[in-house]
C-alpha cells in the first residue's frame, strides 16, 4: 500500500511540474511587463492584457526589488512610446506586441486544446 501511495504522489508531482509555466528570466519578466502595456494600449488597437497580467503575477515570486522597478519602468516607457507612436514606430510596436510578446505567453494561451493555433489570436 505504501508503494502505491508513493507512486501516486510521484505521478502527481510530475504532473504539477509539467502544468506549471517555466520560470521567466529577469529579462523576460521585464519584457512581459512591457508587453502588458503594449497589449493594453488603445493607440495600438487595444487588446486584452489579462494574459500578461496573469503571467506577471505568477512570475513575481523570488524577484529582487530592482527587477520590479525595471519592469515598472519598462511598462511606463512602452505606454509612453505607444501614446506617441505614428507611422513606422507604430508598426514596429505592433510587430513587437504580435511577435516577441506572444512568444512569452505559455502555449496554452495562444493555442486551442487541439494544439492548433487559435484563429482569434491570428488577428
PDB file of N, CA and C in Angstrom:
ATOM      1  N   UNK A   1       0.817  -1.189   0.000  1.00  0.00           N
ATOM      2  CA  UNK A   1       0.000   0.000   0.000  1.00  0.00           C
ATOM      3  C   UNK A   1       0.868   1.263   0.000  1.00  0.00           C
ATOM      4  N   UNK A   2       1.966   1.248   0.726  1.00  0.00           N
ATOM      5  CA  UNK A   2       2.869   2.384   0.784  1.00  0.00           C
ATOM      6  C   UNK A   2       3.469   2.661  -0.593  1.00  0.00           C
ATOM      7  N   UNK A   3       3.780   1.585  -1.347  1.00  0.00           N
ATOM      8  CA  UNK A   3       4.328   1.758  -2.688  1.00  0.00           C
ATOM      9  C   UNK A   3       3.320   2.446  -3.600  1.00  0.00           C
ATOM     10  N   UNK A   4       2.054   2.082  -3.485  1.00  0.00           N
ATOM     11  CA  UNK A   4       1.010   2.683  -4.309  1.00  0.00           C
ATOM     12  C   UNK A   4       0.892   4.173  -4.003  1.00  0.00           C
ATOM     13  N   UNK A   5       0.902   4.527  -2.743  1.00  0.00           N
ATOM     14  CA  UNK A   5       0.810   5.932  -2.346  1.00  0.00           C
ATOM     15  C   UNK A   5       2.026   6.701  -2.846  1.00  0.00           C
ATOM     16  N   UNK A   6       3.192   6.112  -2.751  1.00  0.00           N
ATOM     17  CA  UNK A   6       4.419   6.752  -3.223  1.00  0.00           C
ATOM     18  C   UNK A   6       4.363   6.983  -4.723  1.00  0.00           C
ATOM     19  N   UNK A   7       3.893   6.000  -5.457  1.00  0.00           N
ATOM     20  CA  UNK A   7       3.796   6.130  -6.914  1.00  0.00           C
ATOM     21  C   UNK A   7       2.783   7.208  -7.284  1.00  0.00           C
ATOM     22  N   UNK A   8       1.645   7.216  -6.616  1.00  0.00           N
ATOM     23  CA  UNK A   8       0.626   8.229  -6.895  1.00  0.00           C
ATOM     24  C   UNK A   8       1.171   9.623  -6.600  1.00  0.00           C
ATOM     25  N   UNK A   9       1.880   9.769  -5.496  1.00  0.00           N
ATOM     26  CA  UNK A   9       2.459  11.063  -5.139  1.00  0.00           C
ATOM     27  C   UNK A   9       3.487  11.503  -6.175  1.00  0.00           C
ATOM     28  N   UNK A  10       4.309  10.568  -6.657  1.00  0.00           N
ATOM     29  CA  UNK A  10       5.325  10.893  -7.657  1.00  0.00           C
ATOM     30  C   UNK A  10       4.689  11.316  -8.975  1.00  0.00           C
ATOM     31  N   UNK A  11       3.640  10.611  -9.386  1.00  0.00           N
ATOM     32  CA  UNK A  11       2.949  10.955 -10.626  1.00  0.00           C
ATOM     33  C   UNK A  11       2.268  12.318 -10.493  1.00  0.00           C
ATOM     34  N   UNK A  12       1.661  12.583  -9.366  1.00  0.00           N
ATOM     35  CA  UNK A  12       1.001  13.870  -9.141  1.00  0.00           C
ATOM     36  C   UNK A  12       2.017  15.003  -9.160  1.00  0.00           C
ATOM     37  N   UNK A  13       3.156  14.790  -8.550  1.00  0.00           N
ATOM     38  CA  UNK A  13       4.196  15.821  -8.534  1.00  0.00           C
ATOM     39  C   UNK A  13       4.731  16.073  -9.937  1.00  0.00           C
ATOM     40  N   UNK A  14       4.902  15.022 -10.716  1.00  0.00           N
ATOM     41  CA  UNK A  14       5.381  15.175 -12.092  1.00  0.00           C
ATOM     42  C   UNK A  14       4.357  15.921 -12.927  1.00  0.00           C
ATOM     43  N   UNK A  15       3.086  15.629 -12.731  1.00  0.00           N
ATOM     44  CA  UNK A  15       2.034  16.339 -13.461  1.00  0.00           C
ATOM     45  C   UNK A  15       1.981  17.802 -13.104  1.00  0.00           C
ATOM     46  N   UNK A  16       2.176  18.114 -11.845  1.00  0.00           N
ATOM     47  CA  UNK A  16       2.168  19.509 -11.409  1.00  0.00           C
ATOM     48  C   UNK A  16       3.347  20.260 -11.997  1.00  0.00           C
ATOM     49  N   UNK A  17       4.491  19.595 -12.102  1.00  0.00           N
ATOM     50  CA  UNK A  17       5.675  20.245 -12.659  1.00  0.00           C
ATOM     51  C   UNK A  17       5.467  20.550 -14.138  1.00  0.00           C
ATOM     52  N   UNK A  18       4.811  19.684 -14.856  1.00  0.00           N
ATOM     53  CA  UNK A  18       4.561  19.906 -16.271  1.00  0.00           C
ATOM     54  C   UNK A  18       3.530  21.008 -16.461  1.00  0.00           C
ATOM     55  N   UNK A  19       2.536  21.067 -15.594  1.00  0.00           N
ATOM     56  CA  UNK A  19       1.453  22.028 -15.740  1.00  0.00           C
ATOM     57  C   UNK A  19       1.887  23.453 -15.411  1.00  0.00           C
ATOM     58  N   UNK A  20       2.873  23.616 -14.547  1.00  0.00           N
ATOM     59  CA  UNK A  20       3.283  24.962 -14.172  1.00  0.00           C
ATOM     60  C   UNK A  20       4.155  25.571 -15.266  1.00  0.00           C
ATOM     61  N   UNK A  21       4.011  26.887 -15.518  1.00  0.00           N
ATOM     62  CA  UNK A  21       4.808  27.531 -16.548  1.00  0.00           C
ATOM     63  C   UNK A  21       6.277  27.602 -16.129  1.00  0.00           C
ATOM     64  N   UNK A  22       7.136  27.582 -17.120  1.00  0.00           N
ATOM     65  CA  UNK A  22       8.564  27.697 -16.839  1.00  0.00           C
ATOM     66  C   UNK A  22       8.848  29.076 -16.261  1.00  0.00           C
ATOM     67  N   UNK A  23       9.844  29.154 -15.428  1.00  0.00           N
ATOM     68  CA  UNK A  23      10.183  30.441 -14.815  1.00  0.00           C
ATOM     69  C   UNK A  23      10.847  31.332 -15.852  1.00  0.00           C
ATOM     70  N   UNK A  24      10.351  32.558 -15.924  1.00  0.00           N
ATOM     71  CA  UNK A  24      10.939  33.542 -16.823  1.00  0.00           C
ATOM     72  C   UNK A  24      12.234  34.068 -16.226  1.00  0.00           C
ATOM     73  N   UNK A  25      13.167  34.391 -17.081  1.00  0.00           N
ATOM     74  CA  UNK A  25      14.368  35.075 -16.605  1.00  0.00           C
ATOM     75  C   UNK A  25      13.963  36.491 -16.213  1.00  0.00           C
ATOM     76  N   UNK A  26      14.850  37.204 -15.558  1.00  0.00           N
ATOM     77  CA  UNK A  26      14.544  38.583 -15.180  1.00  0.00           C
ATOM     78  C   UNK A  26      14.294  39.451 -16.411  1.00  0.00           C
ATOM     79  N   UNK A  27      15.078  39.228 -17.458  1.00  0.00           N
ATOM     80  CA  UNK A  27      14.904  39.994 -18.697  1.00  0.00           C
ATOM     81  C   UNK A  27      13.542  39.698 -19.318  1.00  0.00           C
ATOM     82  N   UNK A  28      13.141  38.435 -19.333  1.00  0.00           N
ATOM     83  CA  UNK A  28      11.829  38.069 -19.868  1.00  0.00           C
ATOM     84  C   UNK A  28      10.702  38.651 -19.013  1.00  0.00           C
ATOM     85  N   UNK A  29      10.903  38.685 -17.703  1.00  0.00           N
ATOM     86  CA  UNK A  29       9.907  39.265 -16.801  1.00  0.00           C
ATOM     87  C   UNK A  29       9.704  40.747 -17.110  1.00  0.00           C
ATOM     88  N   UNK A  30      10.799  41.456 -17.317  1.00  0.00           N
ATOM     89  CA  UNK A  30      10.732  42.875 -17.664  1.00  0.00           C
ATOM     90  C   UNK A  30      10.056  43.043 -19.024  1.00  0.00           C
ATOM     91  N   UNK A  31      10.385  42.162 -19.976  1.00  0.00           N
ATOM     92  CA  UNK A  31       9.765  42.210 -21.299  1.00  0.00           C
ATOM     93  C   UNK A  31       8.259  41.949 -21.202  1.00  0.00           C
ATOM     94  N   UNK A  32       7.847  41.037 -20.327  1.00  0.00           N
ATOM     95  CA  UNK A  32       6.416  40.747 -20.147  1.00  0.00           C
ATOM     96  C   UNK A  32       5.673  41.984 -19.643  1.00  0.00           C
ATOM     97  N   UNK A  33       6.315  42.756 -18.766  1.00  0.00           N
ATOM     98  CA  UNK A  33       5.700  43.991 -18.278  1.00  0.00           C
ATOM     99  C   UNK A  33       5.551  44.992 -19.420  1.00  0.00           C
ATOM    100  N   UNK A  34       6.551  45.070 -20.268  1.00  0.00           N
ATOM    101  CA  UNK A  34       6.478  45.939 -21.449  1.00  0.00           C
ATOM    102  C   UNK A  34       5.354  45.478 -22.374  1.00  0.00           C
ATOM    103  N   UNK A  35       5.249  44.183 -22.560  1.00  0.00           N
ATOM    104  CA  UNK A  35       4.220  43.623 -23.437  1.00  0.00           C
ATOM    105  C   UNK A  35       2.817  43.884 -22.902  1.00  0.00           C
ATOM    106  N   UNK A  36       2.676  43.858 -21.599  1.00  0.00           N
ATOM    107  CA  UNK A  36       1.372  44.141 -20.998  1.00  0.00           C
ATOM    108  C   UNK A  36       0.912  45.547 -21.380  1.00  0.00           C
ATOM    109  N   UNK A  37       1.823  46.501 -21.352  1.00  0.00           N
ATOM    110  CA  UNK A  37       1.483  47.877 -21.721  1.00  0.00           C
ATOM    111  C   UNK A  37       1.182  47.992 -23.211  1.00  0.00           C
ATOM    112  N   UNK A  38       1.950  47.309 -24.048  1.00  0.00           N
ATOM    113  CA  UNK A  38       1.707  47.362 -25.490  1.00  0.00           C
ATOM    114  C   UNK A  38       0.362  46.737 -25.847  1.00  0.00           C
ATOM    115  N   UNK A  39       0.030  45.654 -25.186  1.00  0.00           N
ATOM    116  CA  UNK A  39      -1.230  44.967 -25.461  1.00  0.00           C
ATOM    117  C   UNK A  39      -2.418  45.810 -25.014  1.00  0.00           C
ATOM    118  N   UNK A  40      -2.279  46.505 -23.915  1.00  0.00           N
ATOM    119  CA  UNK A  40      -3.374  47.310 -23.372  1.00  0.00           C
ATOM    120  C   UNK A  40      -3.548  48.647 -24.096  1.00  0.00           C
ATOM    121  N   UNK A  41      -2.565  49.061 -24.864  1.00  0.00           N
ATOM    122  CA  UNK A  41      -2.580  50.392 -25.481  1.00  0.00           C
ATOM    123  C   UNK A  41      -3.692  50.524 -26.525  1.00  0.00           C
ATOM    124  N   UNK A  42      -4.563  51.493 -26.336  1.00  0.00           N
ATOM    125  CA  UNK A  42      -5.628  51.745 -27.310  1.00  0.00           C
ATOM    126  C   UNK A  42      -5.065  52.343 -28.598  1.00  0.00           C
ATOM    127  N   UNK A  43      -3.926  53.004 -28.532  1.00  0.00           N
ATOM    128  CA  UNK A  43      -3.302  53.582 -29.711  1.00  0.00           C
ATOM    129  C   UNK A  43      -2.773  52.508 -30.664  1.00  0.00           C
ATOM    130  N   UNK A  44      -2.541  51.315 -30.133  1.00  0.00           N
ATOM    131  CA  UNK A  44      -2.055  50.203 -30.963  1.00  0.00           C
ATOM    132  C   UNK A  44      -3.178  49.207 -31.265  1.00  0.00           C
ATOM    133  N   UNK A  45      -4.381  49.618 -31.059  1.00  0.00           N
ATOM    134  CA  UNK A  45      -5.509  48.746 -31.348  1.00  0.00           C
ATOM    135  C   UNK A  45      -6.121  48.121 -30.117  1.00  0.00           C
ATOM    136  N   UNK A  46      -5.535  48.360 -28.978  1.00  0.00           N
ATOM    137  CA  UNK A  46      -6.079  47.828 -27.727  1.00  0.00           C
ATOM    138  C   UNK A  46      -6.193  46.318 -27.747  1.00  0.00           C
ATOM    139  N   UNK A  47      -6.371  45.758 -26.615  1.00  0.00           N
ATOM    140  CA  UNK A  47      -6.494  44.318 -26.528  1.00  0.00           C
ATOM    141  C   UNK A  47      -6.644  43.884 -25.090  1.00  0.00           C
ATOM    142  N   UNK A  48      -6.768  42.603 -24.917  1.00  0.00           N
ATOM    143  CA  UNK A  48      -6.925  42.021 -23.594  1.00  0.00           C
ATOM    144  C   UNK A  48      -5.547  41.695 -23.033  1.00  0.00           C
ATOM    145  N   UNK A  49      -5.123  42.454 -22.069  1.00  0.00           N
ATOM    146  CA  UNK A  49      -3.791  42.244 -21.486  1.00  0.00           C
ATOM    147  C   UNK A  49      -3.836  41.327 -20.268  1.00  0.00           C
ATOM    148  N   UNK A  50      -4.972  40.672 -20.034  1.00  0.00           N
ATOM    149  CA  UNK A  50      -5.108  39.827 -18.838  1.00  0.00           C
ATOM    150  C   UNK A  50      -4.128  38.653 -18.833  1.00  0.00           C
ATOM    151  N   UNK A  51      -3.782  38.137 -20.013  1.00  0.00           N
ATOM    152  CA  UNK A  51      -2.815  37.033 -20.062  1.00  0.00           C
ATOM    153  C   UNK A  51      -1.456  37.483 -19.525  1.00  0.00           C
ATOM    154  N   UNK A  52      -1.046  38.695 -19.901  1.00  0.00           N
ATOM    155  CA  UNK A  52       0.233  39.211 -19.412  1.00  0.00           C
ATOM    156  C   UNK A  52       0.163  39.560 -17.932  1.00  0.00           C
ATOM    157  N   UNK A  53      -0.967  40.111 -17.494  1.00  0.00           N
ATOM    158  CA  UNK A  53      -1.122  40.408 -16.072  1.00  0.00           C
ATOM    159  C   UNK A  53      -1.016  39.133 -15.247  1.00  0.00           C
ATOM    160  N   UNK A  54      -1.664  38.069 -15.715  1.00  0.00           N
ATOM    161  CA  UNK A  54      -1.614  36.787 -15.006  1.00  0.00           C
ATOM    162  C   UNK A  54      -0.202  36.215 -15.021  1.00  0.00           C
ATOM    163  N   UNK A  55       0.484  36.330 -16.156  1.00  0.00           N
ATOM    164  CA  UNK A  55       1.857  35.828 -16.260  1.00  0.00           C
ATOM    165  C   UNK A  55       2.772  36.575 -15.294  1.00  0.00           C
ATOM    166  N   UNK A  56       2.651  37.886 -15.261  1.00  0.00           N
ATOM    167  CA  UNK A  56       3.481  38.702 -14.371  1.00  0.00           C
ATOM    168  C   UNK A  56       3.197  38.351 -12.909  1.00  0.00           C
ATOM    169  N   UNK A  57       1.932  38.200 -12.584  1.00  0.00           N
ATOM    170  CA  UNK A  57       1.561  37.858 -11.206  1.00  0.00           C
ATOM    171  C   UNK A  57       2.120  36.490 -10.817  1.00  0.00           C
ATOM    172  N   UNK A  58       2.039  35.531 -11.728  1.00  0.00           N
ATOM    173  CA  UNK A  58       2.536  34.185 -11.442  1.00  0.00           C
ATOM    174  C   UNK A  58       4.056  34.133 -11.331  1.00  0.00           C
ATOM    175  N   UNK A  59       4.737  35.070 -11.979  1.00  0.00           N
ATOM    176  CA  UNK A  59       6.196  35.049 -12.033  1.00  0.00           C
ATOM    177  C   UNK A  59       6.862  36.010 -11.044  1.00  0.00           C
ATOM    178  N   UNK A  60       6.087  36.644 -10.182  1.00  0.00           N
ATOM    179  CA  UNK A  60       6.638  37.633  -9.255  1.00  0.00           C
ATOM    180  C   UNK A  60       7.542  37.030  -8.179  1.00  0.00           C
ATOM    181  N   UNK A  61       7.254  35.838  -7.759  1.00  0.00           N
ATOM    182  CA  UNK A  61       7.967  35.240  -6.633  1.00  0.00           C
ATOM    183  C   UNK A  61       9.471  35.135  -6.833  1.00  0.00           C
ATOM    184  N   UNK A  62      10.211  35.490  -5.797  1.00  0.00           N
ATOM    185  CA  UNK A  62      11.657  35.328  -5.806  1.00  0.00           C
ATOM    186  C   UNK A  62      12.426  36.392  -6.564  1.00  0.00           C
ATOM    187  N   UNK A  63      11.780  37.444  -6.959  1.00  0.00           N
ATOM    188  CA  UNK A  63      12.469  38.516  -7.693  1.00  0.00           C
ATOM    189  C   UNK A  63      12.911  39.610  -6.713  1.00  0.00           C
ATOM    190  N   UNK A  64      14.016  40.231  -7.028  1.00  0.00           N
ATOM    191  CA  UNK A  64      14.507  41.324  -6.187  1.00  0.00           C
ATOM    192  C   UNK A  64      13.795  42.618  -6.576  1.00  0.00           C
ATOM    193  N   UNK A  65      13.788  43.578  -5.671  1.00  0.00           N
ATOM    194  CA  UNK A  65      13.083  44.847  -5.885  1.00  0.00           C
ATOM    195  C   UNK A  65      13.563  45.579  -7.138  1.00  0.00           C
ATOM    196  N   UNK A  66      14.850  45.456  -7.435  1.00  0.00           N
ATOM    197  CA  UNK A  66      15.405  46.125  -8.609  1.00  0.00           C
ATOM    198  C   UNK A  66      14.689  45.661  -9.882  1.00  0.00           C
ATOM    199  N   UNK A  67      14.372  44.386  -9.985  1.00  0.00           N
ATOM    200  CA  UNK A  67      13.702  43.846 -11.176  1.00  0.00           C
ATOM    201  C   UNK A  67      12.279  44.387 -11.263  1.00  0.00           C
ATOM    202  N   UNK A  68      11.586  44.499 -10.132  1.00  0.00           N
ATOM    203  CA  UNK A  68      10.240  45.086 -10.132  1.00  0.00           C
ATOM    204  C   UNK A  68      10.303  46.538 -10.605  1.00  0.00           C
ATOM    205  N   UNK A  69      11.309  47.255 -10.150  1.00  0.00           N
ATOM    206  CA  UNK A  69      11.475  48.648 -10.546  1.00  0.00           C
ATOM    207  C   UNK A  69      11.716  48.755 -12.057  1.00  0.00           C
ATOM    208  N   UNK A  70      12.579  47.903 -12.582  1.00  0.00           N
ATOM    209  CA  UNK A  70      12.866  47.913 -14.020  1.00  0.00           C
ATOM    210  C   UNK A  70      11.647  47.501 -14.827  1.00  0.00           C
ATOM    211  N   UNK A  71      10.856  46.556 -14.315  1.00  0.00           N
ATOM    212  CA  UNK A  71       9.635  46.134 -15.004  1.00  0.00           C
ATOM    213  C   UNK A  71       8.630  47.284 -15.054  1.00  0.00           C
ATOM    214  N   UNK A  72       8.476  47.996 -13.944  1.00  0.00           N
ATOM    215  CA  UNK A  72       7.579  49.156 -13.920  1.00  0.00           C
ATOM    216  C   UNK A  72       8.050  50.227 -14.901  1.00  0.00           C
ATOM    217  N   UNK A  73       9.361  50.445 -14.937  1.00  0.00           N
ATOM    218  CA  UNK A  73       9.942  51.433 -15.847  1.00  0.00           C
ATOM    219  C   UNK A  73       9.685  51.033 -17.305  1.00  0.00           C
ATOM    220  N   UNK A  74       9.894  49.752 -17.628  1.00  0.00           N
ATOM    221  CA  UNK A  74       9.667  49.265 -18.991  1.00  0.00           C
ATOM    222  C   UNK A  74       8.200  49.401 -19.383  1.00  0.00           C
ATOM    223  N   UNK A  75       7.318  49.163 -18.429  1.00  0.00           N
ATOM    224  CA  UNK A  75       5.884  49.278 -18.677  1.00  0.00           C
ATOM    225  C   UNK A  75       5.505  50.740 -18.965  1.00  0.00           C
ATOM    226  N   UNK A  76       6.021  51.655 -18.156  1.00  0.00           N
ATOM    227  CA  UNK A  76       5.750  53.084 -18.378  1.00  0.00           C
ATOM    228  C   UNK A  76       6.320  53.556 -19.715  1.00  0.00           C
ATOM    229  N   UNK A  77       7.554  53.124 -20.023  1.00  0.00           N
ATOM    230  CA  UNK A  77       8.181  53.517 -21.289  1.00  0.00           C
ATOM    231  C   UNK A  77       7.386  53.008 -22.489  1.00  0.00           C
ATOM    232  N   UNK A  78       6.924  51.769 -22.425  1.00  0.00           N
ATOM    233  CA  UNK A  78       6.151  51.197 -23.533  1.00  0.00           C
ATOM    234  C   UNK A  78       4.828  51.939 -23.710  1.00  0.00           C
ATOM    235  N   UNK A  79       4.178  52.268 -22.608  1.00  0.00           N
ATOM    236  CA  UNK A  79       2.914  53.014 -22.690  1.00  0.00           C
ATOM    237  C   UNK A  79       3.146  54.389 -23.304  1.00  0.00           C
ATOM    238  N   UNK A  80       4.228  55.046 -22.921  1.00  0.00           N
ATOM    239  CA  UNK A  80       4.559  56.357 -23.474  1.00  0.00           C
ATOM    240  C   UNK A  80       4.882  56.248 -24.962  1.00  0.00           C
ATOM    241  N   UNK A  81       5.682  55.245 -25.333  1.00  0.00           N
ATOM    242  CA  UNK A  81       6.017  55.048 -26.741  1.00  0.00           C
ATOM    243  C   UNK A  81       4.758  54.790 -27.571  1.00  0.00           C
ATOM    244  N   UNK A  82       3.851  54.008 -27.039  1.00  0.00           N
ATOM    245  CA  UNK A  82       2.614  53.699 -27.758  1.00  0.00           C
ATOM    246  C   UNK A  82       1.750  54.950 -27.929  1.00  0.00           C
ATOM    247  N   UNK A  83       1.701  55.788 -26.910  1.00  0.00           N
ATOM    248  CA  UNK A  83       0.899  57.015 -26.988  1.00  0.00           C
ATOM    249  C   UNK A  83       1.402  57.962 -28.071  1.00  0.00           C
ATOM    250  N   UNK A  84       2.713  57.983 -28.271  1.00  0.00           N
ATOM    251  CA  UNK A  84       3.311  58.933 -29.195  1.00  0.00           C
ATOM    252  C   UNK A  84       3.696  58.311 -30.537  1.00  0.00           C
ATOM    253  N   UNK A  85       3.402  57.043 -30.732  1.00  0.00           N
ATOM    254  CA  UNK A  85       3.826  56.343 -31.951  1.00  0.00           C
ATOM    255  C   UNK A  85       2.940  56.702 -33.132  1.00  0.00           C
ATOM    256  N   UNK A  86       3.595  56.860 -34.277  1.00  0.00           N
ATOM    257  CA  UNK A  86       2.878  57.016 -35.534  1.00  0.00           C
ATOM    258  C   UNK A  86       3.743  56.435 -36.646  1.00  0.00           C
ATOM    259  N   UNK A  87       3.131  56.077 -37.736  1.00  0.00           N
ATOM    260  CA  UNK A  87       3.864  55.551 -38.880  1.00  0.00           C
ATOM    261  C   UNK A  87       4.666  54.308 -38.556  1.00  0.00           C
ATOM    262  N   UNK A  88       5.966  54.397 -38.866  1.00  0.00           N
ATOM    263  CA  UNK A  88       6.844  53.245 -38.691  1.00  0.00           C
ATOM    264  C   UNK A  88       6.953  52.816 -37.230  1.00  0.00           C
ATOM    265  N   UNK A  89       7.026  53.773 -36.317  1.00  0.00           N
ATOM    266  CA  UNK A  89       7.149  53.435 -34.890  1.00  0.00           C
ATOM    267  C   UNK A  89       5.938  52.643 -34.418  1.00  0.00           C
ATOM    268  N   UNK A  90       4.758  53.031 -34.867  1.00  0.00           N
ATOM    269  CA  UNK A  90       3.530  52.307 -34.504  1.00  0.00           C
ATOM    270  C   UNK A  90       3.565  50.889 -35.070  1.00  0.00           C
ATOM    271  N   UNK A  91       3.980  50.756 -36.319  1.00  0.00           N
ATOM    272  CA  UNK A  91       4.077  49.438 -36.958  1.00  0.00           C
ATOM    273  C   UNK A  91       5.071  48.548 -36.219  1.00  0.00           C
ATOM    274  N   UNK A  92       6.186  49.135 -35.814  1.00  0.00           N
ATOM    275  CA  UNK A  92       7.217  48.377 -35.092  1.00  0.00           C
ATOM    276  C   UNK A  92       6.697  47.890 -33.740  1.00  0.00           C
ATOM    277  N   UNK A  93       5.972  48.751 -33.024  1.00  0.00           N
ATOM    278  CA  UNK A  93       5.423  48.361 -31.721  1.00  0.00           C
ATOM    279  C   UNK A  93       4.351  47.277 -31.863  1.00  0.00           C
ATOM    280  N   UNK A  94       3.535  47.376 -32.904  1.00  0.00           N
ATOM    281  CA  UNK A  94       2.519  46.343 -33.151  1.00  0.00           C
ATOM    282  C   UNK A  94       3.200  45.016 -33.481  1.00  0.00           C
ATOM    283  N   UNK A  95       4.269  45.076 -34.276  1.00  0.00           N
ATOM    284  CA  UNK A  95       5.006  43.857 -34.612  1.00  0.00           C
ATOM    285  C   UNK A  95       5.636  43.235 -33.364  1.00  0.00           C
ATOM    286  N   UNK A  96       6.151  44.061 -32.481  1.00  0.00           N
ATOM    287  CA  UNK A  96       6.713  43.556 -31.216  1.00  0.00           C
ATOM    288  C   UNK A  96       5.630  42.892 -30.384  1.00  0.00           C
ATOM    289  N   UNK A  97       4.475  43.563 -30.271  1.00  0.00           N
ATOM    290  CA  UNK A  97       3.350  43.023 -29.499  1.00  0.00           C
ATOM    291  C   UNK A  97       2.874  41.687 -30.062  1.00  0.00           C
ATOM    292  N   UNK A  98       2.784  41.586 -31.384  1.00  0.00           N
ATOM    293  CA  UNK A  98       2.253  40.382 -32.012  1.00  0.00           C
ATOM    294  C   UNK A  98       3.291  39.287 -32.215  1.00  0.00           C
ATOM    295  N   UNK A  99       4.562  39.621 -32.070  1.00  0.00           N
ATOM    296  CA  UNK A  99       5.623  38.636 -32.278  1.00  0.00           C
ATOM    297  C   UNK A  99       6.321  38.243 -30.984  1.00  0.00           C
ATOM    298  N   UNK A 100       7.251  39.076 -30.565  1.00  0.00           N
ATOM    299  CA  UNK A 100       8.064  38.768 -29.381  1.00  0.00           C
ATOM    300  C   UNK A 100       7.214  38.624 -28.130  1.00  0.00           C
ATOM    301  N   UNK A 101       6.170  39.425 -28.024  1.00  0.00           N
ATOM    302  CA  UNK A 101       5.327  39.349 -26.825  1.00  0.00           C
ATOM    303  C   UNK A 101       4.540  38.047 -26.772  1.00  0.00           C
ATOM    304  N   UNK A 102       3.982  37.635 -27.880  1.00  0.00           N
ATOM    305  CA  UNK A 102       3.209  36.388 -27.910  1.00  0.00           C
ATOM    306  C   UNK A 102       4.092  35.193 -27.567  1.00  0.00           C
ATOM    307  N   UNK A 103       5.377  35.280 -27.903  1.00  0.00           N
ATOM    308  CA  UNK A 103       6.303  34.191 -27.618  1.00  0.00           C
ATOM    309  C   UNK A 103       6.524  33.994 -26.122  1.00  0.00           C
ATOM    310  N   UNK A 104       6.287  35.029 -25.321  1.00  0.00           N
ATOM    311  CA  UNK A 104       6.452  34.918 -23.869  1.00  0.00           C
ATOM    312  C   UNK A 104       5.314  34.161 -23.198  1.00  0.00           C
ATOM    313  N   UNK A 105       4.152  34.154 -23.849  1.00  0.00           N
ATOM    314  CA  UNK A 105       2.986  33.504 -23.250  1.00  0.00           C
ATOM    315  C   UNK A 105       3.113  31.989 -23.333  1.00  0.00           C
ATOM    316  N   UNK A 106       2.573  31.295 -22.340  1.00  0.00           N
ATOM    317  CA  UNK A 106       2.563  29.835 -22.411  1.00  0.00           C
ATOM    318  C   UNK A 106       1.786  29.391 -23.644  1.00  0.00           C
ATOM    319  N   UNK A 107       2.116  28.219 -24.179  1.00  0.00           N
ATOM    320  CA  UNK A 107       1.458  27.715 -25.382  1.00  0.00           C
ATOM    321  C   UNK A 107      -0.048  27.663 -25.232  1.00  0.00           C
ATOM    322  N   UNK A 108      -0.530  27.313 -24.057  1.00  0.00           N
ATOM    323  CA  UNK A 108      -1.967  27.176 -23.849  1.00  0.00           C
ATOM    324  C   UNK A 108      -2.705  28.484 -24.063  1.00  0.00           C
ATOM    325  N   UNK A 109      -2.019  29.600 -23.908  1.00  0.00           N
ATOM    326  CA  UNK A 109      -2.676  30.893 -24.082  1.00  0.00           C
ATOM    327  C   UNK A 109      -2.822  31.257 -25.548  1.00  0.00           C
ATOM    328  N   UNK A 110      -1.993  30.679 -26.421  1.00  0.00           N
ATOM    329  CA  UNK A 110      -2.028  31.038 -27.831  1.00  0.00           C
ATOM    330  C   UNK A 110      -2.535  29.916 -28.712  1.00  0.00           C
ATOM    331  N   UNK A 111      -2.878  28.762 -28.143  1.00  0.00           N
ATOM    332  CA  UNK A 111      -3.362  27.641 -28.928  1.00  0.00           C
ATOM    333  C   UNK A 111      -4.632  27.079 -28.329  1.00  0.00           C
ATOM    334  N   UNK A 112      -5.372  26.391 -29.158  1.00  0.00           N
ATOM    335  CA  UNK A 112      -6.566  25.724 -28.681  1.00  0.00           C
ATOM    336  C   UNK A 112      -6.177  24.393 -28.061  1.00  0.00           C
ATOM    337  N   UNK A 113      -7.145  23.691 -27.497  1.00  0.00           N
ATOM    338  CA  UNK A 113      -6.873  22.413 -26.845  1.00  0.00           C
ATOM    339  C   UNK A 113      -6.334  21.376 -27.823  1.00  0.00           C
ATOM    340  N   UNK A 114      -6.673  21.497 -29.097  1.00  0.00           N
ATOM    341  CA  UNK A 114      -6.212  20.537 -30.097  1.00  0.00           C
ATOM    342  C   UNK A 114      -4.789  20.769 -30.530  1.00  0.00           C
ATOM    343  N   UNK A 115      -4.135  21.807 -30.010  1.00  0.00           N
ATOM    344  CA  UNK A 115      -2.747  22.070 -30.360  1.00  0.00           C
ATOM    345  C   UNK A 115      -2.597  22.919 -31.602  1.00  0.00           C
ATOM    346  N   UNK A 116      -3.695  23.318 -32.212  1.00  0.00           N
ATOM    347  CA  UNK A 116      -3.638  24.183 -33.386  1.00  0.00           C
ATOM    348  C   UNK A 116      -3.693  25.640 -32.934  1.00  0.00           C
ATOM    349  N   UNK A 117      -3.066  26.547 -33.695  1.00  0.00           N
ATOM    350  CA  UNK A 117      -3.128  27.961 -33.308  1.00  0.00           C
ATOM    351  C   UNK A 117      -4.575  28.425 -33.215  1.00  0.00           C
ATOM    352  N   UNK A 118      -4.840  29.253 -32.241  1.00  0.00           N
ATOM    353  CA  UNK A 118      -6.161  29.806 -32.036  1.00  0.00           C
ATOM    354  C   UNK A 118      -6.435  30.832 -33.140  1.00  0.00           C
ATOM    355  N   UNK A 119      -7.501  30.647 -33.932  1.00  0.00           N
ATOM    356  CA  UNK A 119      -7.760  31.573 -35.026  1.00  0.00           C
ATOM    357  C   UNK A 119      -8.031  33.001 -34.544  1.00  0.00           C
ATOM    358  N   UNK A 120      -8.496  33.167 -33.322  1.00  0.00           N
ATOM    359  CA  UNK A 120      -8.747  34.500 -32.787  1.00  0.00           C
ATOM    360  C   UNK A 120      -7.443  35.231 -32.521  1.00  0.00           C
ATOM    361  N   UNK A 121      -6.377  34.494 -32.168  1.00  0.00           N
ATOM    362  CA  UNK A 121      -5.102  35.153 -31.853  1.00  0.00           C
ATOM    363  C   UNK A 121      -4.345  35.535 -33.107  1.00  0.00           C
ATOM    364  N   UNK A 122      -4.786  35.066 -34.286  1.00  0.00           N
ATOM    365  CA  UNK A 122      -4.098  35.394 -35.518  1.00  0.00           C
ATOM    366  C   UNK A 122      -4.431  36.800 -35.998  1.00  0.00           C
ATOM    367  N   UNK A 123      -5.481  37.399 -35.469  1.00  0.00           N
ATOM    368  CA  UNK A 123      -5.887  38.746 -35.898  1.00  0.00           C
ATOM    369  C   UNK A 123      -4.978  39.792 -35.367  1.00  0.00           C
TER     370      UNK A 123
END
